[in-house]
Amino acid sequence: MSENPEYRTDIPVQPELIIRQTLSGWVAASTEWRQHRVDLTYSPDDPHAIRLTHHSGNALVPWIFDLSLLERGLSDEAGEGDVVIQPSDQDGGGKFLQVRYASNAGEFIFLLSVEEIILALREINQQFPPNVRDEIVSSTIQQLTPEFFYSS
């Protein structure tokens, strides 16, 4: 194997800009829905991902999934496997989005305000439109290629 590549200091660094909003969620508890705090976080470090962090007692439980899944779930059922998002029929008025997480241990279903989700997505898309997110990914992939590491 050849010697280690030279450490490069000319790599452009993405500015640290995180979009974070606290959402009002509701979780099914026995026969009623109880309010549930959920933090939505977007970071350009992972430009096609969204993180929902649930406040559960003294624990913070994060779940990360594709941003486009959240966008598609606003109008129709989206996803399969561990995350499924769809408009909720709980209120009959389309004010909520139902999110279901599934694992071998069971499933967790909760509701989020459509209005709050739309506001968060609007902010993400204004600051990081899809073409900018794609450029971030392309730049990252270019930095991973052997030509980048071993160029003279």
N, C-alpha and C. Protein backbone atom coordinates (compact mmCIF):
# COMPACT_ATOMS: atom_id res chain seq x y z
N MET A 1 0.85 -1.17 0.00
CA MET A 1 0.00 0.00 0.00
C MET A 1 0.89 1.23 0.00
N SER A 2 0.47 2.28 -0.65
CA SER A 2 1.28 3.50 -0.70
C SER A 2 1.20 4.26 0.62
N GLU A 3 2.02 5.28 0.73
CA GLU A 3 2.04 6.06 1.96
C GLU A 3 0.72 6.82 2.15
N ASN A 4 0.52 7.29 3.36
CA ASN A 4 -0.72 8.01 3.68
C ASN A 4 -0.84 9.28 2.86
N PRO A 5 -2.06 9.63 2.45
CA PRO A 5 -2.23 10.87 1.69
C PRO A 5 -1.95 12.08 2.57
N GLU A 6 -1.53 13.15 1.92
CA GLU A 6 -1.25 14.40 2.63
C GLU A 6 -2.55 14.96 3.19
N TYR A 7 -2.50 15.51 4.38
CA TYR A 7 -3.68 16.13 4.99
C TYR A 7 -3.97 17.42 4.25
N ARG A 8 -5.20 17.60 3.79
CA ARG A 8 -5.57 18.78 3.01
C ARG A 8 -6.29 19.77 3.90
N THR A 9 -5.90 21.03 3.80
CA THR A 9 -6.54 22.08 4.58
C THR A 9 -7.36 23.01 3.70
N ASP A 10 -7.41 22.75 2.39
CA ASP A 10 -8.13 23.62 1.47
C ASP A 10 -9.55 23.13 1.18
N ILE A 11 -10.04 22.20 1.98
CA ILE A 11 -11.38 21.66 1.78
C ILE A 11 -12.40 22.68 2.26
N PRO A 12 -13.36 23.06 1.40
CA PRO A 12 -14.38 24.01 1.86
C PRO A 12 -15.25 23.37 2.94
N VAL A 13 -15.54 24.12 3.96
CA VAL A 13 -16.35 23.62 5.06
C VAL A 13 -17.73 24.26 4.97
N GLN A 14 -18.75 23.44 5.11
CA GLN A 14 -20.12 23.94 5.09
C GLN A 14 -20.37 24.74 6.36
N PRO A 15 -21.07 25.86 6.25
CA PRO A 15 -21.40 26.60 7.47
C PRO A 15 -22.32 25.77 8.36
N GLU A 16 -22.15 25.92 9.64
CA GLU A 16 -22.98 25.18 10.60
C GLU A 16 -24.31 25.93 10.75
N LEU A 17 -25.32 25.47 10.04
CA LEU A 17 -26.64 26.06 10.13
C LEU A 17 -27.62 24.93 10.37
N ILE A 18 -28.24 24.97 11.50
CA ILE A 18 -29.20 23.94 11.84
C ILE A 18 -30.56 24.60 12.00
N ILE A 19 -31.55 24.00 11.40
CA ILE A 19 -32.92 24.47 11.55
C ILE A 19 -33.57 23.56 12.58
N ARG A 20 -34.11 24.17 13.64
CA ARG A 20 -34.71 23.37 14.71
C ARG A 20 -36.03 24.01 15.11
N GLN A 21 -37.07 23.19 15.19
CA GLN A 21 -38.38 23.66 15.63
C GLN A 21 -38.96 22.65 16.59
N THR A 22 -39.62 23.16 17.63
CA THR A 22 -40.35 22.28 18.54
C THR A 22 -41.78 22.19 18.05
N LEU A 23 -42.24 20.97 17.87
CA LEU A 23 -43.57 20.71 17.35
C LEU A 23 -44.49 20.21 18.45
N SER A 24 -45.77 20.45 18.27
CA SER A 24 -46.77 19.88 19.17
C SER A 24 -47.21 18.55 18.57
N GLY A 25 -46.94 17.49 19.27
CA GLY A 25 -47.35 16.18 18.81
C GLY A 25 -48.34 15.57 19.77
N TRP A 26 -49.01 14.55 19.34
CA TRP A 26 -49.94 13.80 20.19
C TRP A 26 -49.66 12.33 20.01
N VAL A 27 -49.65 11.62 21.12
CA VAL A 27 -49.37 10.19 21.09
C VAL A 27 -50.57 9.45 21.67
N ALA A 28 -50.85 8.29 21.08
CA ALA A 28 -51.97 7.48 21.57
C ALA A 28 -51.60 6.87 22.91
N ALA A 29 -52.42 7.15 23.93
CA ALA A 29 -52.21 6.60 25.27
C ALA A 29 -53.54 6.00 25.72
N SER A 30 -53.60 4.70 25.76
CA SER A 30 -54.84 3.99 26.09
C SER A 30 -55.93 4.40 25.10
N THR A 31 -56.96 5.09 25.56
CA THR A 31 -58.08 5.44 24.68
C THR A 31 -58.09 6.92 24.31
N GLU A 32 -57.02 7.65 24.64
CA GLU A 32 -57.00 9.09 24.34
C GLU A 32 -55.66 9.48 23.73
N TRP A 33 -55.63 10.68 23.17
CA TRP A 33 -54.40 11.24 22.63
C TRP A 33 -53.83 12.22 23.64
N ARG A 34 -52.56 12.08 23.96
CA ARG A 34 -51.89 12.98 24.91
C ARG A 34 -50.84 13.80 24.18
N GLN A 35 -50.68 15.06 24.62
CA GLN A 35 -49.70 15.93 24.00
C GLN A 35 -48.30 15.36 24.20
N HIS A 36 -47.48 15.55 23.20
CA HIS A 36 -46.16 14.93 23.14
C HIS A 36 -45.21 15.92 22.46
N ARG A 37 -44.11 16.27 23.10
CA ARG A 37 -43.15 17.22 22.52
C ARG A 37 -42.21 16.49 21.56
N VAL A 38 -42.04 17.09 20.38
CA VAL A 38 -41.17 16.55 19.35
C VAL A 38 -40.33 17.70 18.79
N ASP A 39 -39.01 17.53 18.74
CA ASP A 39 -38.14 18.52 18.11
C ASP A 39 -37.79 18.05 16.70
N LEU A 40 -38.03 18.91 15.72
CA LEU A 40 -37.65 18.64 14.34
C LEU A 40 -36.34 19.36 14.10
N THR A 41 -35.35 18.64 13.58
CA THR A 41 -34.03 19.22 13.33
C THR A 41 -33.59 18.87 11.91
N TYR A 42 -33.09 19.89 11.23
CA TYR A 42 -32.49 19.70 9.91
C TYR A 42 -31.09 20.28 9.94
N SER A 43 -30.13 19.57 9.38
CA SER A 43 -28.76 20.05 9.30
C SER A 43 -28.22 19.74 7.90
N PRO A 44 -27.51 20.69 7.29
CA PRO A 44 -26.94 20.43 5.97
C PRO A 44 -25.83 19.37 6.01
N ASP A 45 -25.41 18.97 7.19
CA ASP A 45 -24.42 17.89 7.29
C ASP A 45 -24.97 16.59 6.72
N ASP A 46 -26.28 16.42 6.78
CA ASP A 46 -26.96 15.26 6.20
C ASP A 46 -28.14 15.83 5.41
N PRO A 47 -27.89 16.37 4.21
CA PRO A 47 -28.82 17.25 3.53
C PRO A 47 -30.16 16.65 3.10
N HIS A 48 -30.27 15.34 3.06
CA HIS A 48 -31.55 14.74 2.66
C HIS A 48 -32.24 14.04 3.84
N ALA A 49 -31.83 14.39 5.06
CA ALA A 49 -32.38 13.73 6.24
C ALA A 49 -33.06 14.72 7.17
N ILE A 50 -33.99 14.22 7.92
CA ILE A 50 -34.68 14.99 8.96
C ILE A 50 -34.61 14.17 10.24
N ARG A 51 -34.48 14.86 11.36
CA ARG A 51 -34.44 14.16 12.65
C ARG A 51 -35.63 14.64 13.48
N LEU A 52 -36.40 13.69 13.98
CA LEU A 52 -37.45 13.98 14.95
C LEU A 52 -36.97 13.42 16.28
N THR A 53 -36.86 14.28 17.29
CA THR A 53 -36.43 13.84 18.62
C THR A 53 -37.62 13.93 19.56
N HIS A 54 -37.97 12.80 20.14
CA HIS A 54 -39.14 12.71 21.02
C HIS A 54 -38.70 12.85 22.47
N HIS A 55 -39.46 13.63 23.22
CA HIS A 55 -39.21 13.80 24.64
C HIS A 55 -40.09 12.79 25.36
N SER A 56 -39.45 11.77 25.91
CA SER A 56 -40.16 10.67 26.55
C SER A 56 -39.67 10.55 27.99
N GLY A 57 -40.43 11.13 28.91
CA GLY A 57 -39.97 11.13 30.30
C GLY A 57 -38.67 11.89 30.40
N ASN A 58 -37.63 11.25 30.92
CA ASN A 58 -36.32 11.86 31.02
C ASN A 58 -35.42 11.56 29.83
N ALA A 59 -35.94 10.85 28.84
CA ALA A 59 -35.13 10.43 27.70
C ALA A 59 -35.46 11.26 26.46
N LEU A 60 -34.45 11.43 25.62
CA LEU A 60 -34.63 12.01 24.29
C LEU A 60 -34.41 10.88 23.30
N VAL A 61 -35.41 10.63 22.46
CA VAL A 61 -35.35 9.51 21.52
C VAL A 61 -35.38 10.05 20.10
N PRO A 62 -34.23 10.02 19.39
CA PRO A 62 -34.20 10.53 18.02
C PRO A 62 -34.57 9.47 17.00
N TRP A 63 -35.17 9.91 15.90
CA TRP A 63 -35.45 9.03 14.78
C TRP A 63 -35.12 9.83 13.52
N ILE A 64 -34.26 9.30 12.68
CA ILE A 64 -33.78 10.00 11.48
C ILE A 64 -34.31 9.28 10.25
N PHE A 65 -34.85 10.07 9.31
CA PHE A 65 -35.34 9.48 8.07
C PHE A 65 -35.27 10.49 6.94
N ASP A 66 -35.61 10.06 5.74
CA ASP A 66 -35.52 10.85 4.53
C ASP A 66 -36.48 12.04 4.56
N LEU A 67 -35.96 13.22 4.30
CA LEU A 67 -36.76 14.44 4.26
C LEU A 67 -37.91 14.33 3.26
N SER A 68 -37.66 13.72 2.11
CA SER A 68 -38.71 13.60 1.09
C SER A 68 -39.86 12.72 1.56
N LEU A 69 -39.59 11.81 2.47
CA LEU A 69 -40.65 10.97 3.04
C LEU A 69 -41.65 11.84 3.80
N LEU A 70 -41.15 12.78 4.56
CA LEU A 70 -42.02 13.70 5.29
C LEU A 70 -42.83 14.56 4.31
N GLU A 71 -42.18 15.03 3.26
CA GLU A 71 -42.88 15.84 2.25
C GLU A 71 -43.97 15.04 1.54
N ARG A 72 -43.66 13.82 1.12
CA ARG A 72 -44.65 12.99 0.43
C ARG A 72 -45.80 12.60 1.33
N GLY A 73 -45.52 12.42 2.63
CA GLY A 73 -46.55 12.00 3.58
C GLY A 73 -47.62 13.05 3.83
N LEU A 74 -47.37 14.29 3.43
CA LEU A 74 -48.38 15.33 3.60
C LEU A 74 -49.61 15.10 2.73
N SER A 75 -49.43 14.45 1.58
CA SER A 75 -50.55 14.29 0.66
C SER A 75 -51.05 12.86 0.52
N ASP A 76 -50.21 11.88 0.86
CA ASP A 76 -50.60 10.48 0.68
C ASP A 76 -49.71 9.61 1.57
N GLU A 77 -50.11 8.37 1.77
CA GLU A 77 -49.27 7.47 2.56
C GLU A 77 -47.91 7.32 1.88
N ALA A 78 -46.85 7.46 2.68
CA ALA A 78 -45.49 7.37 2.16
C ALA A 78 -44.65 6.53 3.10
N GLY A 79 -43.80 5.72 2.51
CA GLY A 79 -42.87 4.92 3.30
C GLY A 79 -43.36 3.50 3.48
N GLU A 80 -42.41 2.67 3.81
CA GLU A 80 -42.70 1.28 4.15
C GLU A 80 -41.59 0.83 5.07
N GLY A 81 -41.85 -0.16 5.84
CA GLY A 81 -40.83 -0.60 6.78
C GLY A 81 -40.93 0.13 8.09
N ASP A 82 -39.81 0.74 8.54
CA ASP A 82 -39.78 1.30 9.89
C ASP A 82 -40.44 2.67 10.03
N VAL A 83 -40.67 3.41 8.93
CA VAL A 83 -41.34 4.71 9.02
C VAL A 83 -42.42 4.80 7.94
N VAL A 84 -43.65 5.11 8.37
CA VAL A 84 -44.76 5.35 7.45
C VAL A 84 -45.42 6.66 7.88
N ILE A 85 -45.63 7.55 6.92
CA ILE A 85 -46.22 8.85 7.19
C ILE A 85 -47.41 9.04 6.27
N GLN A 86 -48.51 9.58 6.82
CA GLN A 86 -49.70 9.80 6.01
C GLN A 86 -50.59 10.84 6.66
N PRO A 87 -51.45 11.48 5.84
CA PRO A 87 -52.44 12.38 6.44
C PRO A 87 -53.29 11.58 7.42
N SER A 88 -53.67 12.20 8.51
CA SER A 88 -54.44 11.51 9.54
C SER A 88 -55.93 11.65 9.30
N ASP A 89 -56.65 10.60 9.62
CA ASP A 89 -58.11 10.68 9.57
C ASP A 89 -58.68 10.85 10.98
N GLN A 90 -57.82 11.15 11.95
CA GLN A 90 -58.26 11.28 13.35
C GLN A 90 -59.21 12.46 13.55
N ASP A 91 -58.94 13.58 12.83
CA ASP A 91 -59.75 14.77 13.06
C ASP A 91 -60.75 15.04 11.95
N GLY A 92 -60.65 14.32 10.83
CA GLY A 92 -61.56 14.52 9.72
C GLY A 92 -61.33 15.81 8.96
N GLY A 93 -60.38 16.64 9.39
CA GLY A 93 -60.15 17.92 8.74
C GLY A 93 -58.78 18.07 8.12
N GLY A 94 -57.96 17.03 8.16
CA GLY A 94 -56.64 17.11 7.55
C GLY A 94 -55.66 18.01 8.27
N LYS A 95 -55.87 18.20 9.57
CA LYS A 95 -54.98 19.09 10.32
C LYS A 95 -53.77 18.37 10.89
N PHE A 96 -53.78 17.04 10.80
CA PHE A 96 -52.70 16.27 11.41
C PHE A 96 -52.06 15.32 10.41
N LEU A 97 -50.81 15.01 10.70
CA LEU A 97 -50.04 14.04 9.96
C LEU A 97 -49.76 12.88 10.91
N GLN A 98 -50.04 11.67 10.48
CA GLN A 98 -49.77 10.50 11.32
C GLN A 98 -48.42 9.92 10.95
N VAL A 99 -47.59 9.69 11.95
CA VAL A 99 -46.28 9.08 11.75
C VAL A 99 -46.25 7.79 12.55
N ARG A 100 -45.81 6.71 11.88
CA ARG A 100 -45.72 5.41 12.56
C ARG A 100 -44.31 4.88 12.42
N TYR A 101 -43.69 4.60 13.58
CA TYR A 101 -42.40 3.93 13.61
C TYR A 101 -42.66 2.47 13.95
N ALA A 102 -41.95 1.57 13.30
CA ALA A 102 -42.10 0.15 13.60
C ALA A 102 -40.73 -0.47 13.82
N SER A 103 -40.69 -1.41 14.74
CA SER A 103 -39.47 -2.18 14.99
C SER A 103 -39.89 -3.57 15.44
N ASN A 104 -38.92 -4.41 15.72
CA ASN A 104 -39.23 -5.76 16.23
C ASN A 104 -39.93 -5.69 17.57
N ALA A 105 -39.74 -4.60 18.30
CA ALA A 105 -40.35 -4.46 19.63
C ALA A 105 -41.79 -3.97 19.58
N GLY A 106 -42.23 -3.48 18.43
CA GLY A 106 -43.60 -2.98 18.32
C GLY A 106 -43.64 -1.73 17.47
N GLU A 107 -44.69 -0.93 17.68
CA GLU A 107 -44.79 0.30 16.90
C GLU A 107 -45.18 1.47 17.79
N PHE A 108 -44.88 2.65 17.30
CA PHE A 108 -45.17 3.90 18.00
C PHE A 108 -45.86 4.80 16.98
N ILE A 109 -47.09 5.23 17.30
CA ILE A 109 -47.86 6.07 16.40
C ILE A 109 -48.11 7.42 17.07
N PHE A 110 -47.89 8.49 16.32
CA PHE A 110 -48.14 9.82 16.87
C PHE A 110 -48.62 10.74 15.77
N LEU A 111 -49.19 11.86 16.16
CA LEU A 111 -49.71 12.86 15.24
C LEU A 111 -48.90 14.13 15.35
N LEU A 112 -48.73 14.81 14.22
CA LEU A 112 -48.08 16.10 14.19
C LEU A 112 -48.98 17.08 13.46
N SER A 113 -48.88 18.35 13.80
CA SER A 113 -49.65 19.39 13.15
C SER A 113 -49.15 19.59 11.72
N VAL A 114 -50.05 19.48 10.75
CA VAL A 114 -49.69 19.70 9.35
C VAL A 114 -49.16 21.12 9.18
N GLU A 115 -49.79 22.08 9.82
CA GLU A 115 -49.38 23.48 9.71
C GLU A 115 -47.93 23.67 10.18
N GLU A 116 -47.57 23.06 11.31
CA GLU A 116 -46.20 23.18 11.82
C GLU A 116 -45.19 22.50 10.89
N ILE A 117 -45.56 21.35 10.34
CA ILE A 117 -44.67 20.63 9.42
C ILE A 117 -44.45 21.46 8.16
N ILE A 118 -45.52 22.04 7.61
CA ILE A 118 -45.39 22.85 6.41
C ILE A 118 -44.49 24.06 6.66
N LEU A 119 -44.63 24.71 7.81
CA LEU A 119 -43.76 25.84 8.14
C LEU A 119 -42.29 25.41 8.22
N ALA A 120 -42.03 24.27 8.86
CA ALA A 120 -40.66 23.77 8.98
C ALA A 120 -40.09 23.43 7.60
N LEU A 121 -40.87 22.74 6.77
CA LEU A 121 -40.40 22.37 5.44
C LEU A 121 -40.16 23.61 4.58
N ARG A 122 -41.02 24.60 4.73
CA ARG A 122 -40.84 25.85 3.98
C ARG A 122 -39.51 26.51 4.35
N GLU A 123 -39.20 26.55 5.64
CA GLU A 123 -37.93 27.14 6.08
C GLU A 123 -36.74 26.35 5.54
N ILE A 124 -36.82 25.04 5.61
CA ILE A 124 -35.73 24.19 5.08
C ILE A 124 -35.55 24.44 3.59
N ASN A 125 -36.65 24.45 2.84
CA ASN A 125 -36.56 24.62 1.39
C ASN A 125 -36.13 26.03 0.99
N GLN A 126 -36.42 27.03 1.82
CA GLN A 126 -35.95 28.38 1.52
C GLN A 126 -34.45 28.50 1.74
N GLN A 127 -33.96 27.93 2.83
CA GLN A 127 -32.54 28.05 3.14
C GLN A 127 -31.69 27.03 2.40
N PHE A 128 -32.27 25.87 2.13
CA PHE A 128 -31.55 24.79 1.44
C PHE A 128 -32.46 24.17 0.38
N PRO A 129 -32.66 24.86 -0.75
CA PRO A 129 -33.51 24.30 -1.80
C PRO A 129 -32.94 22.96 -2.28
N PRO A 130 -33.76 22.14 -2.92
CA PRO A 130 -33.29 20.82 -3.37
C PRO A 130 -31.99 20.85 -4.17
N ASN A 131 -31.80 21.84 -5.05
CA ASN A 131 -30.56 21.89 -5.83
C ASN A 131 -29.34 22.14 -4.94
N VAL A 132 -29.49 22.92 -3.87
CA VAL A 132 -28.39 23.16 -2.94
C VAL A 132 -28.09 21.87 -2.16
N ARG A 133 -29.13 21.16 -1.74
CA ARG A 133 -28.93 19.89 -1.03
C ARG A 133 -28.20 18.90 -1.94
N ASP A 134 -28.58 18.85 -3.22
CA ASP A 134 -27.91 17.96 -4.16
C ASP A 134 -26.45 18.35 -4.36
N GLU A 135 -26.16 19.66 -4.39
CA GLU A 135 -24.78 20.12 -4.52
C GLU A 135 -23.94 19.72 -3.31
N ILE A 136 -24.52 19.78 -2.13
CA ILE A 136 -23.80 19.37 -0.92
C ILE A 136 -23.43 17.89 -1.01
N VAL A 137 -24.38 17.07 -1.45
CA VAL A 137 -24.11 15.63 -1.60
C VAL A 137 -23.04 15.41 -2.66
N SER A 138 -23.15 16.08 -3.80
CA SER A 138 -22.16 15.92 -4.87
C SER A 138 -20.77 16.31 -4.40
N SER A 139 -20.68 17.42 -3.68
CA SER A 139 -19.40 17.87 -3.16
C SER A 139 -18.80 16.86 -2.19
N THR A 140 -19.64 16.30 -1.35
CA THR A 140 -19.18 15.30 -0.38
C THR A 140 -18.67 14.06 -1.10
N ILE A 141 -19.40 13.61 -2.12
CA ILE A 141 -18.99 12.42 -2.87
C ILE A 141 -17.66 12.69 -3.58
N GLN A 142 -17.52 13.89 -4.16
CA GLN A 142 -16.25 14.22 -4.81
C GLN A 142 -15.09 14.17 -3.83
N GLN A 143 -15.32 14.58 -2.59
CA GLN A 143 -14.26 14.56 -1.58
C GLN A 143 -13.90 13.15 -1.17
N LEU A 144 -14.75 12.21 -1.44
CA LEU A 144 -14.49 10.82 -1.07
C LEU A 144 -13.78 10.03 -2.17
N THR A 145 -13.67 10.59 -3.36
CA THR A 145 -13.07 9.85 -4.46
C THR A 145 -11.55 9.76 -4.29
N PRO A 146 -10.95 8.69 -4.79
CA PRO A 146 -9.49 8.54 -4.66
C PRO A 146 -8.72 9.68 -5.27
N GLU A 147 -9.23 10.29 -6.37
CA GLU A 147 -8.52 11.40 -6.99
C GLU A 147 -8.35 12.56 -6.01
N PHE A 148 -9.33 12.78 -5.18
CA PHE A 148 -9.26 13.87 -4.20
C PHE A 148 -8.17 13.58 -3.16
N PHE A 149 -8.18 12.37 -2.63
CA PHE A 149 -7.23 12.02 -1.58
C PHE A 149 -5.79 11.94 -2.09
N TYR A 150 -5.62 11.50 -3.32
CA TYR A 150 -4.28 11.21 -3.79
C TYR A 150 -3.79 12.15 -4.87
N SER A 151 -4.49 13.28 -5.07
CA SER A 151 -4.01 14.19 -6.12
C SER A 151 -2.75 14.92 -5.66
N SER A 152 -1.92 15.27 -6.63
CA SER A 152 -0.66 15.94 -6.29
C SER A 152 -0.77 17.43 -6.44
